[in-house]
Amino acid sequence: WDGMGCNGMMGGAMMNKMTPSQQQDFMNQTTELRKEMEELRFAYQEAMRAPNTSPKDLAKIEKQMLELRTKMIGKMENLPAQ
């Protein structure tokens, strides 16, 4: 998830295409989603460290992270034009 600005979950280039007002709207609309993403990132890192974690366990967390990212992109796409 490197290089994905906005606390690591969205592409910096995507955020740079928004006006400051749109950026603020996006941040306001995604507060809970971003919190969930941080929790999943932590869970993923801990799972990677644990010797008994299966690839299936990691894939489950990765899927959850992808679903959250998709929701956040949807919020971005639905911002009012400025």
PDB file of N, CA and C in Angstrom:
ATOM      1  N   TRP A   1       0.812  -1.197   0.000  1.00  0.00           N
ATOM      2  CA  TRP A   1       0.000   0.000   0.000  1.00  0.00           C
ATOM      3  C   TRP A   1       0.856   1.261   0.000  1.00  0.00           C
ATOM      4  N   ASP A   2       2.119   1.128  -0.401  1.00  0.00           N
ATOM      5  CA  ASP A   2       2.994   2.292  -0.437  1.00  0.00           C
ATOM      6  C   ASP A   2       2.535   3.314  -1.460  1.00  0.00           C
ATOM      7  N   GLY A   3       2.874   4.555  -1.213  1.00  0.00           N
ATOM      8  CA  GLY A   3       2.633   5.627  -2.164  1.00  0.00           C
ATOM      9  C   GLY A   3       1.187   5.974  -2.382  1.00  0.00           C
ATOM     10  N   MET A   4       0.348   5.723  -1.426  1.00  0.00           N
ATOM     11  CA  MET A   4      -1.067   5.962  -1.626  1.00  0.00           C
ATOM     12  C   MET A   4      -1.558   7.088  -0.744  1.00  0.00           C
ATOM     13  N   GLY A   5      -0.913   8.191  -0.707  1.00  0.00           N
ATOM     14  CA  GLY A   5      -1.255   9.372   0.067  1.00  0.00           C
ATOM     15  C   GLY A   5      -2.532   9.311   0.890  1.00  0.00           C
ATOM     16  N   CYS A   6      -2.947  10.416   1.420  1.00  0.00           N
ATOM     17  CA  CYS A   6      -4.183  10.504   2.205  1.00  0.00           C
ATOM     18  C   CYS A   6      -4.220   9.400   3.251  1.00  0.00           C
ATOM     19  N   ASN A   7      -3.208   9.410   4.106  1.00  0.00           N
ATOM     20  CA  ASN A   7      -3.053   8.375   5.123  1.00  0.00           C
ATOM     21  C   ASN A   7      -2.858   6.998   4.514  1.00  0.00           C
ATOM     22  N   GLY A   8      -2.297   6.962   3.322  1.00  0.00           N
ATOM     23  CA  GLY A   8      -1.934   5.699   2.729  1.00  0.00           C
ATOM     24  C   GLY A   8      -3.031   4.959   1.999  1.00  0.00           C
ATOM     25  N   MET A   9      -4.189   5.541   1.800  1.00  0.00           N
ATOM     26  CA  MET A   9      -5.214   4.750   1.162  1.00  0.00           C
ATOM     27  C   MET A   9      -5.668   5.263  -0.189  1.00  0.00           C
ATOM     28  N   MET A  10      -5.325   6.434  -0.574  1.00  0.00           N
ATOM     29  CA  MET A  10      -5.736   6.928  -1.885  1.00  0.00           C
ATOM     30  C   MET A  10      -4.520   7.457  -2.622  1.00  0.00           C
ATOM     31  N   GLY A  11      -4.548   7.324  -3.926  1.00  0.00           N
ATOM     32  CA  GLY A  11      -3.438   7.822  -4.722  1.00  0.00           C
ATOM     33  C   GLY A  11      -3.284   9.322  -4.589  1.00  0.00           C
ATOM     34  N   GLY A  12      -2.067   9.777  -4.362  1.00  0.00           N
ATOM     35  CA  GLY A  12      -1.811  11.208  -4.236  1.00  0.00           C
ATOM     36  C   GLY A  12      -2.247  11.954  -5.477  1.00  0.00           C
ATOM     37  N   ALA A  13      -2.073  11.338  -6.648  1.00  0.00           N
ATOM     38  CA  ALA A  13      -2.480  11.979  -7.900  1.00  0.00           C
ATOM     39  C   ALA A  13      -3.990  12.200  -7.920  1.00  0.00           C
ATOM     40  N   MET A  14      -4.735  11.273  -7.345  1.00  0.00           N
ATOM     41  CA  MET A  14      -6.193  11.414  -7.310  1.00  0.00           C
ATOM     42  C   MET A  14      -6.588  12.594  -6.435  1.00  0.00           C
ATOM     43  N   MET A  15      -5.931  12.705  -5.282  1.00  0.00           N
ATOM     44  CA  MET A  15      -6.237  13.809  -4.375  1.00  0.00           C
ATOM     45  C   MET A  15      -5.815  15.140  -4.988  1.00  0.00           C
ATOM     46  N   ASN A  16      -4.729  15.144  -5.727  1.00  0.00           N
ATOM     47  CA  ASN A  16      -4.241  16.382  -6.336  1.00  0.00           C
ATOM     48  C   ASN A  16      -5.187  16.918  -7.401  1.00  0.00           C
ATOM     49  N   LYS A  17      -6.053  16.076  -7.940  1.00  0.00           N
ATOM     50  CA  LYS A  17      -7.004  16.504  -8.962  1.00  0.00           C
ATOM     51  C   LYS A  17      -8.234  17.181  -8.357  1.00  0.00           C
ATOM     52  N   MET A  18      -8.350  17.115  -7.036  1.00  0.00           N
ATOM     53  CA  MET A  18      -9.501  17.709  -6.357  1.00  0.00           C
ATOM     54  C   MET A  18      -9.179  19.117  -5.891  1.00  0.00           C
ATOM     55  N   THR A  19     -10.220  19.911  -5.814  1.00  0.00           N
ATOM     56  CA  THR A  19     -10.072  21.238  -5.221  1.00  0.00           C
ATOM     57  C   THR A  19      -9.918  21.063  -3.711  1.00  0.00           C
ATOM     58  N   PRO A  20      -9.411  22.082  -3.023  1.00  0.00           N
ATOM     59  CA  PRO A  20      -9.327  21.972  -1.554  1.00  0.00           C
ATOM     60  C   PRO A  20     -10.680  21.663  -0.915  1.00  0.00           C
ATOM     61  N   SER A  21     -11.735  22.242  -1.444  1.00  0.00           N
ATOM     62  CA  SER A  21     -13.073  21.987  -0.908  1.00  0.00           C
ATOM     63  C   SER A  21     -13.473  20.521  -1.110  1.00  0.00           C
ATOM     64  N   GLN A  22     -13.191  19.985  -2.284  1.00  0.00           N
ATOM     65  CA  GLN A  22     -13.499  18.585  -2.547  1.00  0.00           C
ATOM     66  C   GLN A  22     -12.664  17.668  -1.650  1.00  0.00           C
ATOM     67  N   GLN A  23     -11.401  18.029  -1.456  1.00  0.00           N
ATOM     68  CA  GLN A  23     -10.551  17.233  -0.574  1.00  0.00           C
ATOM     69  C   GLN A  23     -11.125  17.194   0.832  1.00  0.00           C
ATOM     70  N   GLN A  24     -11.576  18.344   1.322  1.00  0.00           N
ATOM     71  CA  GLN A  24     -12.146  18.395   2.671  1.00  0.00           C
ATOM     72  C   GLN A  24     -13.433  17.583   2.742  1.00  0.00           C
ATOM     73  N   ASP A  25     -14.286  17.708   1.723  1.00  0.00           N
ATOM     74  CA  ASP A  25     -15.520  16.917   1.684  1.00  0.00           C
ATOM     75  C   ASP A  25     -15.196  15.422   1.720  1.00  0.00           C
ATOM     76  N   PHE A  26     -14.220  15.027   0.920  1.00  0.00           N
ATOM     77  CA  PHE A  26     -13.823  13.626   0.868  1.00  0.00           C
ATOM     78  C   PHE A  26     -13.330  13.147   2.234  1.00  0.00           C
ATOM     79  N   MET A  27     -12.484  13.929   2.859  1.00  0.00           N
ATOM     80  CA  MET A  27     -11.959  13.552   4.168  1.00  0.00           C
ATOM     81  C   MET A  27     -13.086  13.442   5.193  1.00  0.00           C
ATOM     82  N   ASN A  28     -14.037  14.368   5.138  1.00  0.00           N
ATOM     83  CA  ASN A  28     -15.175  14.328   6.062  1.00  0.00           C
ATOM     84  C   ASN A  28     -16.041  13.093   5.829  1.00  0.00           C
ATOM     85  N   GLN A  29     -16.263  12.758   4.562  1.00  0.00           N
ATOM     86  CA  GLN A  29     -17.130  11.627   4.220  1.00  0.00           C
ATOM     87  C   GLN A  29     -16.489  10.274   4.499  1.00  0.00           C
ATOM     88  N   THR A  30     -15.181  10.241   4.585  1.00  0.00           N
ATOM     89  CA  THR A  30     -14.498   8.957   4.719  1.00  0.00           C
ATOM     90  C   THR A  30     -13.822   8.760   6.084  1.00  0.00           C
ATOM     91  N   THR A  31     -14.185   9.553   7.052  1.00  0.00           N
ATOM     92  CA  THR A  31     -13.545   9.453   8.366  1.00  0.00           C
ATOM     93  C   THR A  31     -13.610   8.027   8.911  1.00  0.00           C
ATOM     94  N   GLU A  32     -14.785   7.459   8.959  1.00  0.00           N
ATOM     95  CA  GLU A  32     -14.938   6.107   9.522  1.00  0.00           C
ATOM     96  C   GLU A  32     -14.257   5.067   8.638  1.00  0.00           C
ATOM     97  N   LEU A  33     -14.354   5.217   7.330  1.00  0.00           N
ATOM     98  CA  LEU A  33     -13.700   4.263   6.430  1.00  0.00           C
ATOM     99  C   LEU A  33     -12.187   4.290   6.604  1.00  0.00           C
ATOM    100  N   ARG A  34     -11.639   5.485   6.785  1.00  0.00           N
ATOM    101  CA  ARG A  34     -10.196   5.602   6.975  1.00  0.00           C
ATOM    102  C   ARG A  34      -9.763   4.996   8.312  1.00  0.00           C
ATOM    103  N   LYS A  35     -10.602   5.143   9.327  1.00  0.00           N
ATOM    104  CA  LYS A  35     -10.306   4.514  10.621  1.00  0.00           C
ATOM    105  C   LYS A  35     -10.295   2.989  10.474  1.00  0.00           C
ATOM    106  N   GLU A  36     -11.295   2.472   9.762  1.00  0.00           N
ATOM    107  CA  GLU A  36     -11.358   1.029   9.528  1.00  0.00           C
ATOM    108  C   GLU A  36     -10.121   0.556   8.769  1.00  0.00           C
ATOM    109  N   MET A  37      -9.682   1.348   7.787  1.00  0.00           N
ATOM    110  CA  MET A  37      -8.515   0.972   6.992  1.00  0.00           C
ATOM    111  C   MET A  37      -7.273   0.898   7.874  1.00  0.00           C
ATOM    112  N   GLU A  38      -7.112   1.858   8.758  1.00  0.00           N
ATOM    113  CA  GLU A  38      -5.953   1.834   9.653  1.00  0.00           C
ATOM    114  C   GLU A  38      -5.989   0.607  10.555  1.00  0.00           C
ATOM    115  N   GLU A  39      -7.173   0.247  11.043  1.00  0.00           N
ATOM    116  CA  GLU A  39      -7.304  -0.944  11.878  1.00  0.00           C
ATOM    117  C   GLU A  39      -6.956  -2.201  11.090  1.00  0.00           C
ATOM    118  N   LEU A  40      -7.406  -2.255   9.846  1.00  0.00           N
ATOM    119  CA  LEU A  40      -7.088  -3.416   9.010  1.00  0.00           C
ATOM    120  C   LEU A  40      -5.600  -3.478   8.685  1.00  0.00           C
ATOM    121  N   ARG A  41      -4.992  -2.333   8.451  1.00  0.00           N
ATOM    122  CA  ARG A  41      -3.547  -2.320   8.197  1.00  0.00           C
ATOM    123  C   ARG A  41      -2.784  -2.873   9.393  1.00  0.00           C
ATOM    124  N   PHE A  42      -3.193  -2.454  10.575  1.00  0.00           N
ATOM    125  CA  PHE A  42      -2.547  -2.953  11.785  1.00  0.00           C
ATOM    126  C   PHE A  42      -2.763  -4.461  11.907  1.00  0.00           C
ATOM    127  N   ALA A  43      -3.992  -4.903  11.696  1.00  0.00           N
ATOM    128  CA  ALA A  43      -4.299  -6.337  11.776  1.00  0.00           C
ATOM    129  C   ALA A  43      -3.475  -7.123  10.759  1.00  0.00           C
ATOM    130  N   TYR A  44      -3.317  -6.562   9.579  1.00  0.00           N
ATOM    131  CA  TYR A  44      -2.549  -7.228   8.533  1.00  0.00           C
ATOM    132  C   TYR A  44      -1.074  -7.346   8.944  1.00  0.00           C
ATOM    133  N   GLN A  45      -0.515  -6.272   9.458  1.00  0.00           N
ATOM    134  CA  GLN A  45       0.880  -6.305   9.893  1.00  0.00           C
ATOM    135  C   GLN A  45       1.084  -7.322  11.016  1.00  0.00           C
ATOM    136  N   GLU A  46       0.151  -7.360  11.941  1.00  0.00           N
ATOM    137  CA  GLU A  46       0.244  -8.324  13.038  1.00  0.00           C
ATOM    138  C   GLU A  46       0.108  -9.747  12.503  1.00  0.00           C
ATOM    139  N   ALA A  47      -0.785  -9.942  11.563  1.00  0.00           N
ATOM    140  CA  ALA A  47      -0.953 -11.270  10.969  1.00  0.00           C
ATOM    141  C   ALA A  47       0.306 -11.697  10.220  1.00  0.00           C
ATOM    142  N   MET A  48       0.949 -10.754   9.557  1.00  0.00           N
ATOM    143  CA  MET A  48       2.188 -11.069   8.834  1.00  0.00           C
ATOM    144  C   MET A  48       3.281 -11.509   9.809  1.00  0.00           C
ATOM    145  N   ARG A  49       3.294 -10.945  10.997  1.00  0.00           N
ATOM    146  CA  ARG A  49       4.309 -11.274  12.004  1.00  0.00           C
ATOM    147  C   ARG A  49       4.055 -12.632  12.659  1.00  0.00           C
ATOM    148  N   ALA A  50       2.805 -13.019  12.723  1.00  0.00           N
ATOM    149  CA  ALA A  50       2.440 -14.242  13.438  1.00  0.00           C
ATOM    150  C   ALA A  50       2.813 -15.479  12.606  1.00  0.00           C
ATOM    151  N   PRO A  51       3.558 -16.391  13.188  1.00  0.00           N
ATOM    152  CA  PRO A  51       3.994 -17.559  12.423  1.00  0.00           C
ATOM    153  C   PRO A  51       2.863 -18.515  12.047  1.00  0.00           C
ATOM    154  N   ASN A  52       1.750 -18.462  12.755  1.00  0.00           N
ATOM    155  CA  ASN A  52       0.654 -19.390  12.466  1.00  0.00           C
ATOM    156  C   ASN A  52      -0.403 -18.814  11.517  1.00  0.00           C
ATOM    157  N   THR A  53      -0.152 -17.648  10.951  1.00  0.00           N
ATOM    158  CA  THR A  53      -1.112 -17.037  10.022  1.00  0.00           C
ATOM    159  C   THR A  53      -1.034 -17.749   8.676  1.00  0.00           C
ATOM    160  N   SER A  54      -2.180 -18.121   8.170  1.00  0.00           N
ATOM    161  CA  SER A  54      -2.222 -18.800   6.867  1.00  0.00           C
ATOM    162  C   SER A  54      -2.379 -17.773   5.746  1.00  0.00           C
ATOM    163  N   PRO A  55      -2.012 -18.157   4.532  1.00  0.00           N
ATOM    164  CA  PRO A  55      -2.246 -17.267   3.392  1.00  0.00           C
ATOM    165  C   PRO A  55      -3.733 -16.913   3.244  1.00  0.00           C
ATOM    166  N   LYS A  56      -4.595 -17.827   3.621  1.00  0.00           N
ATOM    167  CA  LYS A  56      -6.042 -17.571   3.557  1.00  0.00           C
ATOM    168  C   LYS A  56      -6.430 -16.442   4.508  1.00  0.00           C
ATOM    169  N   ASP A  57      -5.821 -16.426   5.699  1.00  0.00           N
ATOM    170  CA  ASP A  57      -6.088 -15.362   6.670  1.00  0.00           C
ATOM    171  C   ASP A  57      -5.653 -14.004   6.115  1.00  0.00           C
ATOM    172  N   LEU A  58      -4.474 -13.977   5.510  1.00  0.00           N
ATOM    173  CA  LEU A  58      -3.977 -12.728   4.924  1.00  0.00           C
ATOM    174  C   LEU A  58      -4.867 -12.278   3.774  1.00  0.00           C
ATOM    175  N   ALA A  59      -5.290 -13.222   2.952  1.00  0.00           N
ATOM    176  CA  ALA A  59      -6.144 -12.887   1.810  1.00  0.00           C
ATOM    177  C   ALA A  59      -7.471 -12.289   2.273  1.00  0.00           C
ATOM    178  N   LYS A  60      -7.986 -12.775   3.386  1.00  0.00           N
ATOM    179  CA  LYS A  60      -9.246 -12.247   3.920  1.00  0.00           C
ATOM    180  C   LYS A  60      -9.089 -10.773   4.297  1.00  0.00           C
ATOM    181  N   ILE A  61      -7.994 -10.444   4.969  1.00  0.00           N
ATOM    182  CA  ILE A  61      -7.749  -9.046   5.356  1.00  0.00           C
ATOM    183  C   ILE A  61      -7.516  -8.192   4.116  1.00  0.00           C
ATOM    184  N   GLU A  62      -6.756  -8.716   3.161  1.00  0.00           N
ATOM    185  CA  GLU A  62      -6.505  -7.980   1.917  1.00  0.00           C
ATOM    186  C   GLU A  62      -7.817  -7.672   1.197  1.00  0.00           C
ATOM    187  N   LYS A  63      -8.726  -8.642   1.188  1.00  0.00           N
ATOM    188  CA  LYS A  63     -10.028  -8.442   0.543  1.00  0.00           C
ATOM    189  C   LYS A  63     -10.808  -7.331   1.249  1.00  0.00           C
ATOM    190  N   GLN A  64     -10.785  -7.330   2.572  1.00  0.00           N
ATOM    191  CA  GLN A  64     -11.480  -6.288   3.331  1.00  0.00           C
ATOM    192  C   GLN A  64     -10.881  -4.914   3.017  1.00  0.00           C
ATOM    193  N   MET A  65      -9.556  -4.844   2.909  1.00  0.00           N
ATOM    194  CA  MET A  65      -8.904  -3.572   2.598  1.00  0.00           C
ATOM    195  C   MET A  65      -9.292  -3.105   1.198  1.00  0.00           C
ATOM    196  N   LEU A  66      -9.355  -4.022   0.251  1.00  0.00           N
ATOM    197  CA  LEU A  66      -9.749  -3.666  -1.109  1.00  0.00           C
ATOM    198  C   LEU A  66     -11.192  -3.175  -1.146  1.00  0.00           C
ATOM    199  N   GLU A  67     -12.069  -3.807  -0.392  1.00  0.00           N
ATOM    200  CA  GLU A  67     -13.470  -3.375  -0.340  1.00  0.00           C
ATOM    201  C   GLU A  67     -13.588  -1.962   0.231  1.00  0.00           C
ATOM    202  N   LEU A  68     -12.819  -1.677   1.280  1.00  0.00           N
ATOM    203  CA  LEU A  68     -12.838  -0.321   1.851  1.00  0.00           C
ATOM    204  C   LEU A  68     -12.308   0.699   0.851  1.00  0.00           C
ATOM    205  N   ARG A  69     -11.226   0.343   0.187  1.00  0.00           N
ATOM    206  CA  ARG A  69     -10.645   1.254  -0.807  1.00  0.00           C
ATOM    207  C   ARG A  69     -11.660   1.536  -1.923  1.00  0.00           C
ATOM    208  N   THR A  70     -12.371   0.515  -2.342  1.00  0.00           N
ATOM    209  CA  THR A  70     -13.397   0.674  -3.378  1.00  0.00           C
ATOM    210  C   THR A  70     -14.496   1.622  -2.899  1.00  0.00           C
ATOM    211  N   LYS A  71     -14.904   1.493  -1.639  1.00  0.00           N
ATOM    212  CA  LYS A  71     -15.914   2.404  -1.082  1.00  0.00           C
ATOM    213  C   LYS A  71     -15.397   3.840  -1.081  1.00  0.00           C
ATOM    214  N   MET A  72     -14.121   4.013  -0.725  1.00  0.00           N
ATOM    215  CA  MET A  72     -13.554   5.361  -0.679  1.00  0.00           C
ATOM    216  C   MET A  72     -13.450   5.965  -2.078  1.00  0.00           C
ATOM    217  N   ILE A  73     -13.103   5.158  -3.051  1.00  0.00           N
ATOM    218  CA  ILE A  73     -13.046   5.648  -4.428  1.00  0.00           C
ATOM    219  C   ILE A  73     -14.440   6.044  -4.872  1.00  0.00           C
ATOM    220  N   GLY A  74     -15.452   5.279  -4.480  1.00  0.00           N
ATOM    221  CA  GLY A  74     -16.833   5.631  -4.804  1.00  0.00           C
ATOM    222  C   GLY A  74     -17.220   6.978  -4.221  1.00  0.00           C
ATOM    223  N   LYS A  75     -16.782   7.237  -2.995  1.00  0.00           N
ATOM    224  CA  LYS A  75     -17.057   8.551  -2.384  1.00  0.00           C
ATOM    225  C   LYS A  75     -16.378   9.648  -3.174  1.00  0.00           C
ATOM    226  N   MET A  76     -15.164   9.382  -3.622  1.00  0.00           N
ATOM    227  CA  MET A  76     -14.408  10.377  -4.388  1.00  0.00           C
ATOM    228  C   MET A  76     -15.109  10.682  -5.716  1.00  0.00           C
ATOM    229  N   GLU A  77     -15.575   9.633  -6.359  1.00  0.00           N
ATOM    230  CA  GLU A  77     -16.227   9.791  -7.660  1.00  0.00           C
ATOM    231  C   GLU A  77     -17.555  10.523  -7.556  1.00  0.00           C
ATOM    232  N   ASN A  78     -18.169  10.512  -6.379  1.00  0.00           N
ATOM    233  CA  ASN A  78     -19.471  11.145  -6.200  1.00  0.00           C
ATOM    234  C   ASN A  78     -19.406  12.535  -5.586  1.00  0.00           C
ATOM    235  N   LEU A  79     -18.207  13.082  -5.481  1.00  0.00           N
ATOM    236  CA  LEU A  79     -18.076  14.450  -4.964  1.00  0.00           C
ATOM    237  C   LEU A  79     -18.666  15.432  -5.966  1.00  0.00           C
ATOM    238  N   PRO A  80     -19.314  16.493  -5.480  1.00  0.00           N
ATOM    239  CA  PRO A  80     -19.839  17.505  -6.400  1.00  0.00           C
ATOM    240  C   PRO A  80     -18.698  18.209  -7.140  1.00  0.00           C
ATOM    241  N   ALA A  81     -18.939  18.494  -8.405  1.00  0.00           N
ATOM    242  CA  ALA A  81     -17.939  19.218  -9.206  1.00  0.00           C
ATOM    243  C   ALA A  81     -17.798  20.629  -8.659  1.00  0.00           C
ATOM    244  N   GLN A  82     -16.575  21.143  -8.724  1.00  0.00           N
ATOM    245  CA  GLN A  82     -16.328  22.498  -8.197  1.00  0.00           C
ATOM    246  C   GLN A  82     -15.651  23.330  -9.245  1.00  0.00           C
TER     247      GLN A  82
END
